[in-house]
Amino acid sequence: MRHARSLAVQTPSAAPCHFTHMKVYTCTPKRFPGDPAFFARDSGLFCMALRSLGIESQAIMPGPAIDGDMEGLIRASMQQLEDPGWWRALELDGLIFYSWASPHYNAIAKAIQAAGVPFLVVMDTCGMISRLSNPTDWLREAHIRPLAEISSFRQLPMMAGTWFVNAVSNYSAQRRLPHYEAATKVAAVTPLGQLWIPNEARALGRPELVEKFCYLPHPQPGAFQYNGSPKENLVISVARWNKPDWPQKNPKVLVQSLVDFLKMRREWRGLIIGSGATKLPDALGMADLRKHPQLEFASAVPPADLVGIYQKAKIGFWASLWEGQQGTGAQALCCGCSVVAPGSSLMSCFRHYVSRGSGRLSLLNEPRSLANELFLEAQAWEQGHRDPKRISDVWCPEFHAPEVAIRALQLLGLQPPSTFTAE
C-alpha cells in the first residue's frame, strides 16, 4: 500500500464518518479545479453520492494540485494513472471512470483492467459519436441538410469531404475499441445512446462487446425537486451563453423563439439565466429586448436560488444544436417543469425527457416551429395535462445522485448498502 499511503488524502468533512468495507472511487483523466463546483456534478457528484451511501470514495484527477482543491481529491501523474501497480495498491472494489471512452485515455483503461479493478466508463454523448453508431441520422443531420443548402457545382467537393469524414469516423471508432474491451460496463447517458453506441462494436466485428453497454445518466443534486409551490406562467432556459458556447447553445434561435411565443401569449414570461446571459441582447443585435416587458436576462445564480426558480417555472426550454445529457433539463424535470426542445438525434436526451407526459419536441430547430411547441405546451398546462408533482416524482428517482450511484454499483456487480434500494 506504499502508493496509497503516500497520497495522504483526507475525507470531505460533509461525508459520513463511518464507511462500509466497500471502496469505490471516481476518476476523470482531465485536469479540472477540485472545487465545490466539481463535486456538485458528474464525476465529483458521483463521489459524494457514494460517500452519502456510506461507501469510501475519493475522486482521482491528474495533477498538480490547483488552489481551492477540496479534501477527498487524489491528484496523480499520468504516469501513475497508466501504471497497473498504482491502481492495484488502492485496493478498490470498483471505479467510475469519466473518460468518455476517449482513445487518449486507452492506456489508463488498460491499466485499470490489468489491476483487476471493475470499472464503469461514462460516455457523455447523445449517442451519435460516429457514422457507425447511427448512419442514417448521422448523415441526415451532419451532411444532407448542409448539402441541400449549397449550389450544385459545389456538391462534388462536399461529397468528397463526406467520404473523408466517414473514413475518420471509422478510424475513431476503431481506436475506442480498447476502452470497450477493458471496461466492465460502458454507460451512455441517454437511452438512445445505449442503443446507438454499440453499433460501433457490431460494425467493427466485435458483437461480443455489445452486452457491456448500458444506460446511466449523470447524477443530479437532490436539492432539485418540486416542493409543492404554485407554478407560474414562466418559461426558463439555463445554460452558458458566452460567445464560445454559441455554436452549441444556439442562442439566437432560442431568443427569437421565446419572443415569438410571448407575442402569442401575453400572460407568460420568459427568463434566460446563465453566464453571459445579460450580454445576449446586445451581442445578438437585439438590444431592444432589454426593455421587453415579458423577457428577462439574468446572470448565473447559485444552485439554491436556481432550485427556487425551477420550482416556480412551468416550462424549461432549450434550442441547442447538440447535447450529451442536458443536465439543466434534468434538473428542471426534477423540479416539476415540463420541457420543450428540438427533436433532432443530436438532442436525443430530450426524446427521453418528453417520454413520460413531461414535454414536447419541435420537428425543426427554428423559431416558428419552437414557438408553436411552446404555445402547445402552455396549453397543456392550462388544460390540466401537466402535473408538476407527478413530473417530479417520475424523474427524481432516475436522476438524483444516490439513486444513480446505486445503479452504478449494481452495474459493476457490487451490492449496495442494505438501507438503500434502487428504483
Protein backbone atom coordinates (compact mmCIF):
# COMPACT_ATOMS: atom_id res chain seq x y z
CA MET A 1 0.00 0.00 0.00
CA ARG A 2 3.01 2.33 -0.33
CA HIS A 3 1.48 4.38 -3.16
CA ALA A 4 -1.90 4.73 -1.47
CA ARG A 5 -0.39 5.88 1.83
CA SER A 6 1.79 8.46 0.11
CA LEU A 7 -1.34 10.23 -1.16
CA ALA A 8 -2.33 11.22 2.38
CA VAL A 9 -5.84 12.20 1.28
CA GLN A 10 -8.43 13.05 3.90
CA THR A 11 -12.19 12.72 3.55
CA PRO A 12 -14.53 15.67 2.94
CA SER A 13 -16.00 16.98 6.16
CA ALA A 14 -19.57 16.71 4.82
CA ALA A 15 -19.27 12.95 4.33
CA PRO A 16 -20.26 10.24 6.82
CA CYS A 17 -17.68 9.34 9.43
CA HIS A 18 -18.15 5.58 9.11
CA PHE A 19 -17.79 3.63 5.89
CA THR A 20 -18.75 0.15 4.85
CA HIS A 21 -15.93 -2.14 3.77
CA MET A 22 -16.53 -1.10 0.17
CA LYS A 23 -14.16 1.27 -1.70
CA VAL A 24 -15.44 2.74 -4.96
CA TYR A 25 -13.58 5.74 -6.33
CA THR A 26 -14.23 8.03 -9.28
CA CYS A 27 -11.73 9.27 -11.83
CA THR A 28 -11.63 11.76 -14.66
CA PRO A 29 -8.32 11.89 -16.57
CA LYS A 30 -8.78 15.56 -17.43
CA ARG A 31 -7.44 18.18 -15.03
CA PHE A 32 -10.19 20.35 -13.51
CA PRO A 33 -10.21 22.52 -10.38
CA GLY A 34 -11.25 20.29 -7.48
CA ASP A 35 -13.52 22.98 -6.04
CA PRO A 36 -17.12 22.70 -4.77
CA ALA A 37 -18.41 23.14 -8.33
CA PHE A 38 -16.56 19.97 -9.35
CA PHE A 39 -18.09 17.99 -6.50
CA ALA A 40 -21.57 19.24 -7.44
CA ARG A 41 -21.74 17.47 -10.82
CA ASP A 42 -20.71 14.45 -12.86
CA SER A 43 -17.61 12.64 -11.55
CA GLY A 44 -17.33 14.72 -8.38
CA LEU A 45 -21.01 14.33 -7.52
CA PHE A 46 -20.75 10.58 -8.06
CA CYS A 47 -18.01 10.56 -5.43
CA MET A 48 -20.13 12.48 -2.94
CA ALA A 49 -23.17 10.30 -3.64
CA LEU A 50 -21.16 7.14 -2.92
CA ARG A 51 -19.97 8.67 0.32
CA SER A 52 -23.56 9.50 1.28
CA LEU A 53 -24.28 5.77 0.97
CA GLY A 54 -21.51 5.01 3.46
CA ILE A 55 -19.04 3.84 0.81
CA GLU A 56 -15.44 5.01 0.94
CA SER A 57 -14.87 7.15 -2.13
CA GLN A 58 -12.28 9.62 -3.38
CA ALA A 59 -12.11 11.49 -6.67
CA ILE A 60 -8.98 11.00 -8.78
CA MET A 61 -7.67 13.59 -11.26
CA PRO A 62 -4.34 14.42 -12.90
CA GLY A 63 -2.08 16.81 -11.01
CA PRO A 64 -0.55 19.07 -9.99
CA ALA A 65 -2.92 20.46 -7.40
CA ILE A 66 -4.95 23.60 -8.08
CA ASP A 67 -5.66 26.28 -5.47
CA GLY A 68 -9.07 25.61 -3.95
CA ASP A 69 -8.90 21.82 -4.28
CA MET A 70 -11.16 20.22 -1.69
CA GLU A 71 -10.18 17.40 0.62
CA GLY A 72 -11.08 13.98 -0.69
CA LEU A 73 -9.32 14.54 -4.01
CA ILE A 74 -6.35 12.48 -5.21
CA ARG A 75 -4.02 14.21 -7.66
CA ALA A 76 -1.91 11.74 -9.63
CA SER A 77 0.50 11.96 -12.54
CA MET A 78 -0.42 10.48 -15.91
CA GLN A 79 2.43 8.02 -15.36
CA GLN A 80 0.74 6.80 -12.20
CA LEU A 81 -2.66 6.60 -13.89
CA GLU A 82 -1.17 4.39 -16.60
CA ASP A 83 0.51 2.08 -14.06
CA PRO A 84 -1.45 -1.06 -13.06
CA GLY A 85 0.59 -1.25 -9.86
CA TRP A 86 -0.61 2.18 -8.77
CA TRP A 87 -4.23 1.17 -9.24
CA ARG A 88 -3.68 -2.20 -7.58
CA ALA A 89 -2.27 -0.52 -4.48
CA LEU A 90 -5.53 1.39 -3.96
CA GLU A 91 -7.35 -1.92 -3.35
CA LEU A 92 -10.57 -0.70 -4.93
CA ASP A 93 -13.80 -2.65 -5.23
CA GLY A 94 -14.85 -0.54 -8.21
CA LEU A 95 -14.30 2.67 -10.16
CA ILE A 96 -16.47 5.18 -12.05
CA PHE A 97 -14.27 6.35 -14.95
CA TYR A 98 -15.32 9.60 -16.67
CA SER A 99 -13.09 9.17 -19.70
CA TRP A 100 -15.77 9.48 -22.41
CA ALA A 101 -14.10 6.34 -23.90
CA SER A 102 -11.62 8.73 -25.47
CA PRO A 103 -8.72 6.97 -27.22
CA HIS A 104 -6.41 9.46 -25.49
CA TYR A 105 -7.03 7.52 -22.26
CA ASN A 106 -6.85 3.95 -23.57
CA ALA A 107 -3.64 3.34 -21.63
CA ILE A 108 -5.38 4.28 -18.37
CA ALA A 109 -8.32 1.99 -19.14
CA LYS A 110 -5.93 -0.88 -19.84
CA ALA A 111 -4.03 -0.21 -16.59
CA ILE A 112 -7.23 -0.29 -14.52
CA GLN A 113 -8.22 -3.56 -16.18
CA ALA A 114 -4.77 -5.05 -15.58
CA ALA A 115 -5.05 -4.10 -11.91
CA GLY A 116 -8.22 -6.19 -11.66
CA VAL A 117 -10.47 -3.25 -10.76
CA PRO A 118 -14.06 -3.47 -12.07
CA PHE A 119 -14.82 -0.14 -13.72
CA LEU A 120 -17.65 1.64 -15.48
CA VAL A 121 -16.85 4.07 -18.28
CA VAL A 122 -19.18 7.06 -18.66
CA MET A 123 -19.66 8.44 -22.18
CA ASP A 124 -21.20 11.92 -22.18
CA THR A 125 -22.73 11.87 -25.65
CA CYS A 126 -26.10 11.88 -27.41
CA GLY A 127 -25.01 8.60 -28.97
CA MET A 128 -24.01 9.80 -32.43
CA ILE A 129 -20.28 9.63 -31.84
CA SER A 130 -19.53 8.38 -35.33
CA ARG A 131 -21.19 7.43 -38.60
CA LEU A 132 -21.13 3.79 -37.47
CA SER A 133 -23.26 4.41 -34.40
CA ASN A 134 -26.30 5.71 -36.31
CA PRO A 135 -25.55 6.01 -40.05
CA THR A 136 -28.96 7.26 -41.21
CA ASP A 137 -29.42 10.04 -38.67
CA TRP A 138 -25.73 10.95 -38.74
CA LEU A 139 -25.80 11.52 -42.50
CA ARG A 140 -29.09 13.39 -42.39
CA GLU A 141 -28.18 15.77 -39.59
CA ALA A 142 -24.50 16.27 -40.31
CA HIS A 143 -24.36 16.19 -44.10
CA ILE A 144 -27.59 16.04 -46.11
CA ARG A 145 -29.00 19.30 -44.76
CA PRO A 146 -25.81 21.28 -45.44
CA LEU A 147 -25.65 19.72 -48.92
CA ALA A 148 -29.17 20.91 -49.66
CA GLU A 149 -28.16 24.49 -48.94
CA ILE A 150 -25.28 24.74 -51.43
CA SER A 151 -25.28 25.14 -55.21
CA SER A 152 -24.85 22.05 -57.36
CA PHE A 153 -21.38 22.88 -58.66
CA ARG A 154 -20.04 22.73 -55.11
CA GLN A 155 -21.64 19.39 -54.22
CA LEU A 156 -18.77 17.27 -55.53
CA PRO A 157 -16.17 18.73 -53.12
CA MET A 158 -18.68 18.44 -50.31
CA MET A 159 -19.33 14.81 -51.11
CA ALA A 160 -15.57 14.19 -51.14
CA GLY A 161 -15.45 15.77 -47.69
CA THR A 162 -18.25 13.47 -46.55
CA TRP A 163 -16.31 10.39 -47.61
CA PHE A 164 -13.26 11.73 -45.77
CA VAL A 165 -15.27 12.26 -42.60
CA ASN A 166 -16.65 8.74 -42.94
CA ALA A 167 -13.11 7.36 -43.06
CA VAL A 168 -12.10 9.39 -39.99
CA SER A 169 -15.25 8.22 -38.23
CA ASN A 170 -14.32 4.58 -38.81
CA TYR A 171 -10.78 5.23 -37.59
CA SER A 172 -12.00 6.93 -34.39
CA ALA A 173 -14.39 4.09 -33.64
CA GLN A 174 -11.59 1.55 -34.08
CA ARG A 175 -9.47 3.48 -31.59
CA ARG A 176 -12.25 3.35 -28.98
CA LEU A 177 -12.34 -0.45 -29.01
CA PRO A 178 -9.60 -0.84 -26.33
CA HIS A 179 -11.83 1.12 -23.95
CA TYR A 180 -14.81 -1.09 -24.69
CA GLU A 181 -12.66 -4.20 -24.26
CA ALA A 182 -11.19 -3.12 -20.92
CA ALA A 183 -14.30 -1.77 -19.21
CA THR A 184 -16.67 -3.83 -17.10
CA LYS A 185 -19.55 -1.68 -18.36
CA VAL A 186 -19.83 1.28 -20.74
CA ALA A 187 -22.57 3.75 -19.82
CA ALA A 188 -24.33 6.06 -22.25
CA VAL A 189 -26.08 8.99 -20.59
CA THR A 190 -29.17 8.71 -22.82
CA PRO A 191 -31.31 5.65 -23.59
CA LEU A 192 -30.89 6.16 -27.35
CA GLY A 193 -27.14 6.38 -26.81
CA GLN A 194 -27.30 2.92 -25.25
CA LEU A 195 -28.86 1.66 -28.48
CA TRP A 196 -26.65 3.55 -30.93
CA ILE A 197 -23.12 3.36 -29.49
CA PRO A 198 -22.91 -0.47 -29.54
CA ASN A 199 -23.38 -0.30 -33.32
CA GLU A 200 -19.70 0.67 -33.47
CA ALA A 201 -18.74 -2.67 -31.95
CA ARG A 202 -21.07 -4.53 -34.30
CA ALA A 203 -19.79 -2.69 -37.37
CA LEU A 204 -16.19 -3.45 -36.43
CA GLY A 205 -16.84 -7.16 -36.00
CA ARG A 206 -16.97 -7.20 -32.18
CA PRO A 207 -20.60 -8.13 -31.33
CA GLU A 208 -19.49 -9.80 -28.09
CA LEU A 209 -18.87 -6.31 -26.65
CA VAL A 210 -22.48 -5.18 -27.11
CA GLU A 211 -23.64 -6.59 -23.77
CA LYS A 212 -21.30 -4.22 -21.94
CA PHE A 213 -23.30 -1.12 -22.94
CA CYS A 214 -25.92 0.31 -20.61
CA TYR A 215 -27.81 3.50 -19.79
CA LEU A 216 -26.80 5.53 -16.76
CA PRO A 217 -27.49 9.29 -16.55
CA HIS A 218 -25.30 11.91 -14.93
CA PRO A 219 -26.30 12.32 -11.28
CA GLN A 220 -28.08 15.49 -10.19
CA PRO A 221 -28.11 17.06 -6.69
CA GLY A 222 -31.05 16.04 -4.55
CA ALA A 223 -31.96 19.68 -3.90
CA PHE A 224 -33.54 19.77 -7.35
CA GLN A 225 -37.06 18.59 -6.55
CA TYR A 226 -40.55 20.04 -6.50
CA ASN A 227 -41.73 21.48 -3.18
CA GLY A 228 -45.42 21.91 -3.99
CA SER A 229 -45.29 25.68 -4.51
CA PRO A 230 -47.66 27.20 -7.10
CA LYS A 231 -46.32 27.24 -10.64
CA GLU A 232 -46.22 30.47 -12.64
CA ASN A 233 -46.61 31.12 -16.37
CA LEU A 234 -42.84 31.13 -16.77
CA VAL A 235 -40.54 29.63 -19.41
CA ILE A 236 -36.93 29.28 -18.26
CA SER A 237 -33.72 28.45 -20.10
CA VAL A 238 -30.46 27.87 -18.22
CA ALA A 239 -27.11 27.43 -19.97
CA ARG A 240 -23.73 29.04 -20.70
CA TRP A 241 -24.34 31.94 -23.09
CA ASN A 242 -20.83 33.24 -23.73
CA LYS A 243 -19.83 33.54 -27.39
CA PRO A 244 -17.63 30.41 -27.44
CA ASP A 245 -20.76 28.45 -26.45
CA TRP A 246 -22.99 29.87 -29.22
CA PRO A 247 -22.27 27.18 -31.85
CA GLN A 248 -23.77 24.64 -29.44
CA LYS A 249 -26.33 26.59 -27.40
CA ASN A 250 -27.88 28.36 -30.42
CA PRO A 251 -28.99 31.50 -28.53
CA LYS A 252 -30.33 33.49 -31.50
CA VAL A 253 -32.87 30.81 -32.35
CA LEU A 254 -33.76 30.33 -28.68
CA VAL A 255 -34.30 34.04 -28.03
CA GLN A 256 -36.31 34.60 -31.21
CA SER A 257 -38.44 31.54 -30.42
CA LEU A 258 -39.24 32.94 -26.99
CA VAL A 259 -40.06 36.37 -28.43
CA ASP A 260 -42.43 34.82 -30.97
CA PHE A 261 -44.11 32.71 -28.27
CA LEU A 262 -44.52 35.67 -25.92
CA LYS A 263 -46.22 37.64 -28.69
CA MET A 264 -48.86 34.93 -28.81
CA ARG A 265 -49.17 34.56 -25.03
CA ARG A 266 -49.01 37.95 -23.30
CA GLU A 267 -49.72 36.42 -19.88
CA TRP A 268 -46.47 34.39 -19.95
CA ARG A 269 -42.90 35.42 -19.13
CA GLY A 270 -39.53 34.20 -20.29
CA LEU A 271 -36.31 34.05 -18.25
CA ILE A 272 -32.85 33.26 -19.67
CA ILE A 273 -30.22 32.55 -17.00
CA GLY A 274 -26.51 31.82 -17.14
CA SER A 275 -23.05 33.24 -17.65
CA GLY A 276 -23.16 35.76 -20.49
CA ALA A 277 -26.96 35.97 -20.48
CA THR A 278 -27.17 39.68 -19.64
CA LYS A 279 -24.99 40.48 -22.69
CA LEU A 280 -27.11 38.48 -25.13
CA PRO A 281 -29.46 41.27 -26.33
CA ASP A 282 -26.59 43.48 -27.46
CA ALA A 283 -24.38 40.62 -28.68
CA LEU A 284 -27.19 39.21 -30.83
CA GLY A 285 -28.08 42.63 -32.28
CA MET A 286 -31.39 42.60 -30.40
CA ALA A 287 -30.77 45.44 -27.94
CA ASP A 288 -34.44 46.41 -27.88
CA LEU A 289 -35.12 43.21 -25.91
CA ARG A 290 -33.58 44.86 -22.86
CA LYS A 291 -36.91 46.65 -22.46
CA HIS A 292 -39.11 43.68 -23.34
CA PRO A 293 -41.89 43.56 -20.73
CA GLN A 294 -42.10 39.76 -20.70
CA LEU A 295 -38.50 38.65 -21.21
CA GLU A 296 -35.65 38.87 -18.68
CA PHE A 297 -31.94 38.03 -18.91
CA ALA A 298 -30.10 37.14 -15.69
CA SER A 299 -26.56 36.13 -14.77
CA ALA A 300 -25.76 32.70 -13.32
CA VAL A 301 -27.26 32.15 -9.87
CA PRO A 302 -26.27 29.82 -7.01
CA PRO A 303 -27.83 26.33 -7.18
CA ALA A 304 -30.10 27.04 -4.21
CA ASP A 305 -31.60 30.05 -6.00
CA LEU A 306 -31.89 28.11 -9.25
CA VAL A 307 -33.92 25.42 -7.49
CA GLY A 308 -36.40 28.06 -6.35
CA ILE A 309 -36.75 29.45 -9.88
CA TYR A 310 -37.31 26.00 -11.37
CA GLN A 311 -39.94 25.30 -8.73
CA LYS A 312 -41.89 28.36 -9.91
CA ALA A 313 -41.46 27.80 -13.66
CA LYS A 314 -43.74 25.61 -15.75
CA ILE A 315 -41.56 25.04 -18.83
CA GLY A 316 -37.84 24.54 -19.35
CA PHE A 317 -36.76 25.42 -22.90
CA TRP A 318 -33.60 24.74 -24.92
CA ALA A 319 -32.68 25.05 -28.60
CA SER A 320 -29.15 23.64 -28.61
CA LEU A 321 -27.77 22.08 -31.76
CA TRP A 322 -26.37 19.17 -29.76
CA GLU A 323 -26.10 17.96 -26.16
CA GLY A 324 -24.94 14.85 -24.35
CA GLN A 325 -27.24 14.62 -21.36
CA GLN A 326 -28.62 18.11 -20.89
CA GLY A 327 -28.17 18.50 -17.14
CA THR A 328 -30.24 21.64 -16.67
CA GLY A 329 -33.11 19.90 -18.44
CA ALA A 330 -32.88 17.01 -15.98
CA GLN A 331 -32.87 19.47 -13.09
CA ALA A 332 -35.96 21.21 -14.48
CA LEU A 333 -37.83 17.91 -14.67
CA CYS A 334 -36.90 17.08 -11.08
CA CYS A 335 -38.40 20.43 -10.05
CA GLY A 336 -41.69 19.66 -11.78
CA CYS A 337 -41.17 21.57 -15.04
CA SER A 338 -42.06 20.15 -18.42
CA VAL A 339 -39.56 20.70 -21.24
CA VAL A 340 -39.56 21.84 -24.88
CA ALA A 341 -36.63 21.28 -27.25
CA PRO A 342 -35.76 20.26 -30.83
CA GLY A 343 -36.37 16.63 -31.70
CA SER A 344 -33.09 16.03 -33.53
CA SER A 345 -30.95 12.96 -32.94
CA LEU A 346 -28.17 15.26 -31.73
CA MET A 347 -30.53 16.14 -28.85
CA SER A 348 -31.51 12.56 -28.09
CA CYS A 349 -31.74 13.20 -24.34
CA PHE A 350 -34.89 15.24 -24.90
CA ARG A 351 -36.59 12.37 -26.71
CA HIS A 352 -36.32 10.66 -23.33
CA TYR A 353 -37.23 13.74 -21.31
CA VAL A 354 -40.62 14.14 -23.01
CA SER A 355 -41.43 10.41 -22.93
CA ARG A 356 -43.50 10.46 -19.73
CA GLY A 357 -46.02 13.20 -20.36
CA SER A 358 -43.43 15.80 -19.45
CA GLY A 359 -42.97 17.93 -22.57
CA ARG A 360 -42.86 18.03 -26.33
CA LEU A 361 -40.39 18.22 -29.22
CA SER A 362 -40.17 20.54 -32.19
CA LEU A 363 -39.82 18.98 -35.64
CA LEU A 364 -37.40 21.75 -36.68
CA ASN A 365 -34.84 23.76 -34.73
CA GLU A 366 -36.11 27.12 -35.95
CA PRO A 367 -38.13 29.88 -34.26
CA ARG A 368 -41.56 29.31 -35.79
CA SER A 369 -41.60 25.59 -35.04
CA LEU A 370 -40.22 26.00 -31.49
CA ALA A 371 -42.61 28.86 -30.68
CA ASN A 372 -45.55 26.72 -31.78
CA GLU A 373 -44.45 23.90 -29.49
CA LEU A 374 -44.12 26.36 -26.59
CA PHE A 375 -47.66 27.52 -27.36
CA LEU A 376 -48.97 23.94 -27.30
CA GLU A 377 -47.07 23.17 -24.10
CA ALA A 378 -48.59 26.24 -22.43
CA GLN A 379 -51.99 24.91 -23.46
CA ALA A 380 -51.15 21.52 -21.97
CA TRP A 381 -50.56 23.18 -18.60
CA GLU A 382 -53.76 25.21 -18.83
CA GLN A 383 -55.83 22.16 -19.77
CA GLY A 384 -54.56 20.15 -16.82
CA HIS A 385 -52.36 17.77 -18.81
CA ARG A 386 -49.25 18.62 -16.80
CA ASP A 387 -48.89 17.80 -13.11
CA PRO A 388 -45.68 19.18 -11.52
CA LYS A 389 -45.73 16.73 -8.62
CA ARG A 390 -46.11 13.76 -10.94
CA ILE A 391 -43.32 15.02 -13.22
CA SER A 392 -41.01 15.45 -10.23
CA ASP A 393 -41.94 12.08 -8.74
CA VAL A 394 -41.24 10.35 -12.06
CA TRP A 395 -37.83 11.90 -12.74
CA CYS A 396 -36.22 12.40 -9.31
CA PRO A 397 -35.57 8.65 -8.80
CA GLU A 398 -33.92 8.50 -12.21
CA PHE A 399 -31.61 11.49 -11.80
CA HIS A 400 -30.90 12.07 -8.11
CA ALA A 401 -27.32 11.26 -7.19
CA PRO A 402 -27.76 8.45 -4.58
CA GLU A 403 -30.12 6.50 -6.85
CA VAL A 404 -27.74 6.88 -9.81
CA ALA A 405 -24.83 5.76 -7.63
CA ILE A 406 -26.76 2.67 -6.53
CA ARG A 407 -27.44 1.71 -10.15
CA ALA A 408 -23.74 2.22 -10.93
CA LEU A 409 -22.81 -0.19 -8.13
CA GLN A 410 -25.27 -2.76 -9.45
CA LEU A 411 -23.85 -2.46 -12.96
CA LEU A 412 -20.42 -3.21 -11.51
CA GLY A 413 -21.79 -6.31 -9.79
CA LEU A 414 -21.48 -4.72 -6.34
CA GLN A 415 -24.13 -4.97 -3.64
CA PRO A 416 -25.39 -1.53 -2.49
CA PRO A 417 -25.74 -0.94 1.25
CA SER A 418 -28.85 -2.68 2.54
CA THR A 419 -30.51 0.54 3.70
CA PHE A 420 -30.79 1.81 0.13
CA THR A 421 -32.70 0.38 -2.80
CA ALA A 422 -32.73 1.47 -6.44
CA GLU A 423 -35.99 2.22 -8.22
